[in-house]
Amino acid sequence: MSYSFNEETGIEDGRTLDLEMLREDLMAELQAINQYQEHIDTLEDEEAIRVLEHIRDDEKEHVAELVKVIRMLDPVQAEKFTKEIL
């Protein structure tokens, strides 16, 4: 598939939908992390806590992977990660 560059958005046309889906996936992963952490904080069984901590950490890896792909597909977003804020 070939893409043409959209100067207004800084994104190659055709990748907009890809980015939208990836960002939705990113939001879902972050929500999952929060939910697992809430459960970890309230559980009493150590084995259940250990399992959920492992799953939560896997979700954090998914976040990192998604961010890497988003940065690759969206140069404007990539620039924001390199810009010093604060």
Protein backbone atom coordinates (compact mmCIF):
# COMPACT_ATOMS: atom_id res chain seq x y z
CA MET A 1 0.00 0.00 0.00
CA SER A 2 1.34 3.42 -0.85
CA TYR A 3 0.72 6.49 1.23
CA SER A 4 0.79 10.16 0.30
CA PHE A 5 1.88 12.80 2.78
CA ASN A 6 -0.71 15.16 4.27
CA GLU A 7 1.12 18.39 5.08
CA GLU A 8 -1.70 19.68 7.28
CA THR A 9 -1.57 16.79 9.74
CA GLY A 10 2.03 15.70 9.23
CA ILE A 11 0.74 12.16 8.74
CA GLU A 12 0.79 10.05 5.62
CA ASP A 13 -2.75 9.72 4.25
CA GLY A 14 -4.08 6.24 4.84
CA ARG A 15 -2.45 5.97 8.24
CA THR A 16 -5.03 8.12 10.03
CA LEU A 17 -7.35 5.16 10.61
CA ASP A 18 -4.39 3.03 11.70
CA LEU A 19 -3.45 5.66 14.27
CA GLU A 20 -7.01 6.00 15.49
CA MET A 21 -7.23 2.26 16.13
CA LEU A 22 -3.81 2.16 17.80
CA ARG A 23 -4.75 5.04 20.10
CA GLU A 24 -7.99 3.26 21.04
CA ASP A 25 -5.92 0.17 21.83
CA LEU A 26 -3.58 2.30 23.92
CA MET A 27 -6.50 3.69 25.92
CA ALA A 28 -7.80 0.16 26.52
CA GLU A 29 -4.40 -0.99 27.77
CA LEU A 30 -4.16 1.95 30.18
CA GLN A 31 -7.67 1.28 31.47
CA ALA A 32 -6.74 -2.37 31.98
CA ILE A 33 -3.66 -1.36 33.98
CA ASN A 34 -5.80 0.81 36.23
CA GLN A 35 -8.38 -1.92 36.70
CA TYR A 36 -5.79 -4.57 37.56
CA GLN A 37 -4.16 -2.17 40.02
CA GLU A 38 -7.50 -1.49 41.72
CA HIS A 39 -8.04 -5.22 42.11
CA ILE A 40 -4.50 -5.75 43.39
CA ASP A 41 -5.06 -3.04 45.99
CA THR A 42 -8.20 -4.72 47.32
CA LEU A 43 -7.36 -8.43 47.04
CA GLU A 44 -6.17 -10.35 50.06
CA ASP A 45 -5.04 -13.61 48.45
CA GLU A 46 -1.29 -13.41 47.72
CA GLU A 47 -1.43 -15.81 44.75
CA ALA A 48 -4.21 -13.80 43.12
CA ILE A 49 -2.24 -10.60 43.72
CA ARG A 50 0.88 -12.15 42.19
CA VAL A 51 -1.04 -13.25 39.08
CA LEU A 52 -2.68 -9.87 38.59
CA GLU A 53 0.63 -8.06 39.08
CA HIS A 54 2.09 -10.19 36.31
CA ILE A 55 -0.85 -9.46 34.01
CA ARG A 56 -0.69 -5.73 34.86
CA ASP A 57 3.00 -5.68 33.98
CA ASP A 58 2.25 -7.39 30.64
CA GLU A 59 -0.25 -4.61 29.93
CA LYS A 60 2.47 -2.04 30.64
CA GLU A 61 4.63 -3.74 28.02
CA HIS A 62 1.74 -3.50 25.56
CA VAL A 63 1.54 0.24 26.26
CA ALA A 64 5.22 0.63 25.43
CA GLU A 65 4.82 -1.36 22.21
CA LEU A 66 1.82 0.68 21.09
CA VAL A 67 3.53 3.98 21.85
CA LYS A 68 6.52 2.86 19.80
CA VAL A 69 4.31 2.11 16.77
CA ILE A 70 2.33 5.36 17.18
CA ARG A 71 5.57 7.33 17.29
CA MET A 72 6.73 5.58 14.12
CA LEU A 73 3.52 6.40 12.24
CA ASP A 74 2.96 9.95 13.54
CA PRO A 75 6.00 12.23 13.31
CA VAL A 76 4.23 15.06 15.15
CA GLN A 77 3.51 12.74 18.08
CA ALA A 78 7.08 11.47 17.99
CA GLU A 79 8.35 15.03 18.25
CA LYS A 80 6.19 15.64 21.34
CA PHE A 81 7.94 12.76 23.10
CA THR A 82 11.33 14.34 22.50
CA LYS A 83 10.25 17.85 23.49
CA GLU A 84 11.12 18.78 27.04
CA ILE A 85 7.99 19.78 28.89
CA LEU A 86 7.83 21.49 32.30
